[in-house]
Amino acid sequence: MRVTVLFFAQARERAGRASVTLELPAGSRLADARAAIALAHPGLEPLWPHLALAVDGVLAREDAPVRDGAELALLPPVSGG
């Protein structure tokens, strides 16, 4: 199955792009997608502890299922005042 991965802020800088299409086996979970992203983009390693992951615009846990055609977003922490 295919999913689109969106990179924002520092993740975009480290990945060198705003988005990528990722092939995953049917029945994959968010943890599987995260592992595939980490393998394809090792520069993201220092950011993983700080990134939230969303599936189709909703923050999700690593055990969340991922459907074909889903949009995954790597979201940095928000700061402000």
N, C-alpha and C. Protein backbone atom coordinates (compact mmCIF):
# COMPACT_ATOMS: atom_id res chain seq x y z
N MET A 1 0.84 -1.18 0.00
CA MET A 1 0.00 0.00 0.00
C MET A 1 0.89 1.24 0.00
N ARG A 2 0.33 2.32 -0.46
CA ARG A 2 1.07 3.59 -0.53
C ARG A 2 0.49 4.59 0.44
N VAL A 3 1.41 5.33 1.09
CA VAL A 3 1.02 6.43 1.97
C VAL A 3 1.89 7.64 1.62
N THR A 4 1.39 8.81 1.94
CA THR A 4 2.16 10.03 1.76
C THR A 4 2.64 10.48 3.12
N VAL A 5 3.92 10.80 3.21
CA VAL A 5 4.51 11.29 4.46
C VAL A 5 4.83 12.76 4.28
N LEU A 6 4.34 13.59 5.20
CA LEU A 6 4.59 15.03 5.18
C LEU A 6 5.59 15.38 6.27
N PHE A 7 6.58 16.16 5.91
CA PHE A 7 7.61 16.60 6.85
C PHE A 7 7.42 18.10 7.11
N PHE A 8 7.51 18.50 8.37
CA PHE A 8 7.37 19.90 8.72
C PHE A 8 8.58 20.37 9.53
N ALA A 9 8.89 21.67 9.40
CA ALA A 9 9.92 22.35 10.18
C ALA A 9 11.26 21.61 10.11
N GLN A 10 11.82 21.26 11.25
CA GLN A 10 13.14 20.61 11.29
C GLN A 10 13.13 19.27 10.57
N ALA A 11 12.03 18.55 10.63
CA ALA A 11 11.96 17.28 9.93
C ALA A 11 12.08 17.49 8.42
N ARG A 12 11.49 18.55 7.92
CA ARG A 12 11.59 18.88 6.49
C ARG A 12 13.04 19.20 6.13
N GLU A 13 13.69 19.96 6.98
CA GLU A 13 15.10 20.30 6.73
C GLU A 13 15.97 19.06 6.71
N ARG A 14 15.78 18.18 7.67
CA ARG A 14 16.61 16.98 7.76
C ARG A 14 16.30 15.95 6.68
N ALA A 15 15.03 15.88 6.26
CA ALA A 15 14.65 14.95 5.20
C ALA A 15 15.01 15.50 3.82
N GLY A 16 15.16 16.82 3.73
CA GLY A 16 15.50 17.44 2.47
C GLY A 16 14.34 17.54 1.49
N ARG A 17 13.15 17.40 2.00
CA ARG A 17 11.95 17.49 1.15
C ARG A 17 10.73 17.73 2.03
N ALA A 18 9.64 18.12 1.40
CA ALA A 18 8.40 18.39 2.13
C ALA A 18 7.53 17.15 2.27
N SER A 19 7.67 16.22 1.32
CA SER A 19 6.85 15.01 1.37
C SER A 19 7.51 13.89 0.59
N VAL A 20 7.04 12.70 0.82
CA VAL A 20 7.53 11.52 0.12
C VAL A 20 6.41 10.48 0.10
N THR A 21 6.39 9.66 -0.92
CA THR A 21 5.47 8.53 -0.99
C THR A 21 6.20 7.31 -0.47
N LEU A 22 5.54 6.56 0.37
CA LEU A 22 6.15 5.41 1.02
C LEU A 22 5.32 4.17 0.73
N GLU A 23 5.98 3.08 0.38
CA GLU A 23 5.32 1.79 0.17
C GLU A 23 5.40 0.99 1.47
N LEU A 24 4.28 0.50 1.93
CA LEU A 24 4.21 -0.31 3.15
C LEU A 24 3.43 -1.59 2.85
N PRO A 25 3.72 -2.66 3.58
CA PRO A 25 2.92 -3.88 3.42
C PRO A 25 1.49 -3.66 3.93
N ALA A 26 0.54 -4.36 3.34
CA ALA A 26 -0.84 -4.30 3.81
C ALA A 26 -0.88 -4.68 5.29
N GLY A 27 -1.74 -4.01 6.05
CA GLY A 27 -1.88 -4.30 7.47
C GLY A 27 -0.87 -3.58 8.35
N SER A 28 -0.11 -2.65 7.77
CA SER A 28 0.91 -1.93 8.55
C SER A 28 0.28 -1.04 9.60
N ARG A 29 1.03 -0.82 10.64
CA ARG A 29 0.65 0.08 11.73
C ARG A 29 1.58 1.30 11.66
N LEU A 30 1.27 2.31 12.43
CA LEU A 30 2.08 3.52 12.43
C LEU A 30 3.52 3.22 12.83
N ALA A 31 3.74 2.29 13.73
CA ALA A 31 5.10 1.91 14.12
C ALA A 31 5.89 1.37 12.92
N ASP A 32 5.23 0.63 12.04
CA ASP A 32 5.89 0.11 10.84
C ASP A 32 6.26 1.26 9.91
N ALA A 33 5.36 2.22 9.76
CA ALA A 33 5.64 3.37 8.92
C ALA A 33 6.80 4.18 9.49
N ARG A 34 6.78 4.36 10.80
CA ARG A 34 7.86 5.11 11.46
C ARG A 34 9.21 4.44 11.20
N ALA A 35 9.26 3.12 11.32
CA ALA A 35 10.50 2.39 11.08
C ALA A 35 10.97 2.56 9.63
N ALA A 36 10.04 2.52 8.68
CA ALA A 36 10.39 2.69 7.27
C ALA A 36 10.89 4.11 6.99
N ILE A 37 10.26 5.09 7.62
CA ILE A 37 10.69 6.49 7.46
C ILE A 37 12.09 6.67 8.05
N ALA A 38 12.31 6.11 9.23
CA ALA A 38 13.62 6.23 9.88
C ALA A 38 14.72 5.58 9.04
N LEU A 39 14.42 4.46 8.42
CA LEU A 39 15.39 3.78 7.57
C LEU A 39 15.71 4.62 6.33
N ALA A 40 14.70 5.20 5.73
CA ALA A 40 14.89 6.00 4.51
C ALA A 40 15.50 7.37 4.78
N HIS A 41 15.30 7.89 6.01
CA HIS A 41 15.76 9.23 6.36
C HIS A 41 16.48 9.21 7.71
N PRO A 42 17.71 8.67 7.74
CA PRO A 42 18.43 8.55 9.02
C PRO A 42 18.73 9.89 9.68
N GLY A 43 18.70 10.98 8.95
CA GLY A 43 18.94 12.29 9.53
C GLY A 43 17.86 12.71 10.52
N LEU A 44 16.74 12.01 10.52
CA LEU A 44 15.65 12.33 11.45
C LEU A 44 15.89 11.78 12.86
N GLU A 45 16.86 10.90 13.00
CA GLU A 45 17.10 10.21 14.28
C GLU A 45 17.04 11.12 15.51
N PRO A 46 17.75 12.26 15.53
CA PRO A 46 17.70 13.08 16.75
C PRO A 46 16.33 13.69 17.04
N LEU A 47 15.48 13.76 16.04
CA LEU A 47 14.17 14.39 16.22
C LEU A 47 13.09 13.45 16.72
N TRP A 48 13.24 12.14 16.53
CA TRP A 48 12.16 11.20 16.85
C TRP A 48 11.58 11.36 18.25
N PRO A 49 12.40 11.58 19.28
CA PRO A 49 11.79 11.72 20.62
C PRO A 49 10.87 12.93 20.76
N HIS A 50 10.98 13.87 19.81
CA HIS A 50 10.24 15.12 19.92
C HIS A 50 9.10 15.25 18.91
N LEU A 51 8.99 14.31 18.00
CA LEU A 51 7.98 14.39 16.95
C LEU A 51 6.68 13.69 17.34
N ALA A 52 5.58 14.32 16.99
CA ALA A 52 4.27 13.67 17.09
C ALA A 52 3.93 13.15 15.69
N LEU A 53 3.15 12.09 15.63
CA LEU A 53 2.75 11.52 14.35
C LEU A 53 1.24 11.59 14.22
N ALA A 54 0.81 12.03 13.05
CA ALA A 54 -0.62 12.12 12.76
C ALA A 54 -0.94 11.26 11.55
N VAL A 55 -2.11 10.63 11.57
CA VAL A 55 -2.62 9.87 10.44
C VAL A 55 -3.89 10.56 9.98
N ASP A 56 -3.87 11.01 8.75
CA ASP A 56 -5.03 11.71 8.18
C ASP A 56 -5.50 12.85 9.08
N GLY A 57 -4.54 13.62 9.60
CA GLY A 57 -4.86 14.81 10.38
C GLY A 57 -5.20 14.59 11.83
N VAL A 58 -5.08 13.35 12.31
CA VAL A 58 -5.40 13.04 13.70
C VAL A 58 -4.17 12.45 14.38
N LEU A 59 -3.77 13.04 15.52
CA LEU A 59 -2.64 12.48 16.25
C LEU A 59 -2.92 11.02 16.58
N ALA A 60 -1.89 10.19 16.42
CA ALA A 60 -2.12 8.75 16.57
C ALA A 60 -0.99 8.10 17.35
N ARG A 61 -1.32 6.97 17.98
CA ARG A 61 -0.32 6.16 18.68
C ARG A 61 0.32 5.21 17.69
N GLU A 62 1.44 4.65 18.08
CA GLU A 62 2.21 3.79 17.17
C GLU A 62 1.47 2.51 16.81
N ASP A 63 0.48 2.10 17.58
CA ASP A 63 -0.24 0.88 17.25
C ASP A 63 -1.44 1.15 16.33
N ALA A 64 -1.62 2.41 15.92
CA ALA A 64 -2.73 2.77 15.03
C ALA A 64 -2.54 2.14 13.65
N PRO A 65 -3.60 1.62 13.07
CA PRO A 65 -3.50 1.08 11.71
C PRO A 65 -3.34 2.20 10.70
N VAL A 66 -2.70 1.86 9.59
CA VAL A 66 -2.50 2.81 8.50
C VAL A 66 -3.18 2.22 7.26
N ARG A 67 -4.03 3.00 6.63
CA ARG A 67 -4.75 2.52 5.45
C ARG A 67 -4.03 2.93 4.18
N ASP A 68 -4.31 2.25 3.11
CA ASP A 68 -3.78 2.62 1.80
C ASP A 68 -4.25 4.03 1.46
N GLY A 69 -3.35 4.86 1.01
CA GLY A 69 -3.68 6.23 0.65
C GLY A 69 -3.66 7.21 1.80
N ALA A 70 -3.28 6.76 2.99
CA ALA A 70 -3.26 7.64 4.16
C ALA A 70 -2.21 8.73 4.01
N GLU A 71 -2.41 9.80 4.75
CA GLU A 71 -1.45 10.89 4.84
C GLU A 71 -0.88 10.89 6.25
N LEU A 72 0.42 10.70 6.36
CA LEU A 72 1.10 10.70 7.66
C LEU A 72 1.87 12.01 7.79
N ALA A 73 1.82 12.62 8.94
CA ALA A 73 2.53 13.87 9.16
C ALA A 73 3.44 13.74 10.36
N LEU A 74 4.68 14.20 10.19
CA LEU A 74 5.64 14.27 11.28
C LEU A 74 5.60 15.70 11.80
N LEU A 75 5.12 15.85 13.02
CA LEU A 75 4.87 17.17 13.58
C LEU A 75 5.84 17.49 14.70
N PRO A 76 6.56 18.60 14.59
CA PRO A 76 7.47 19.01 15.66
C PRO A 76 6.67 19.59 16.81
N PRO A 77 7.31 19.69 17.98
CA PRO A 77 6.62 20.33 19.10
C PRO A 77 6.31 21.80 18.77
N VAL A 78 5.23 22.29 19.30
CA VAL A 78 4.84 23.67 19.06
C VAL A 78 5.35 24.52 20.21
N SER A 79 5.90 25.65 19.89
CA SER A 79 6.35 26.57 20.95
C SER A 79 5.75 27.94 20.66
N GLY A 80 5.72 28.73 21.66
CA GLY A 80 5.17 30.06 21.46
C GLY A 80 4.88 30.71 22.80
N GLY A 81 4.30 31.85 22.74
CA GLY A 81 4.05 32.55 23.97
C GLY A 81 2.68 33.14 24.03
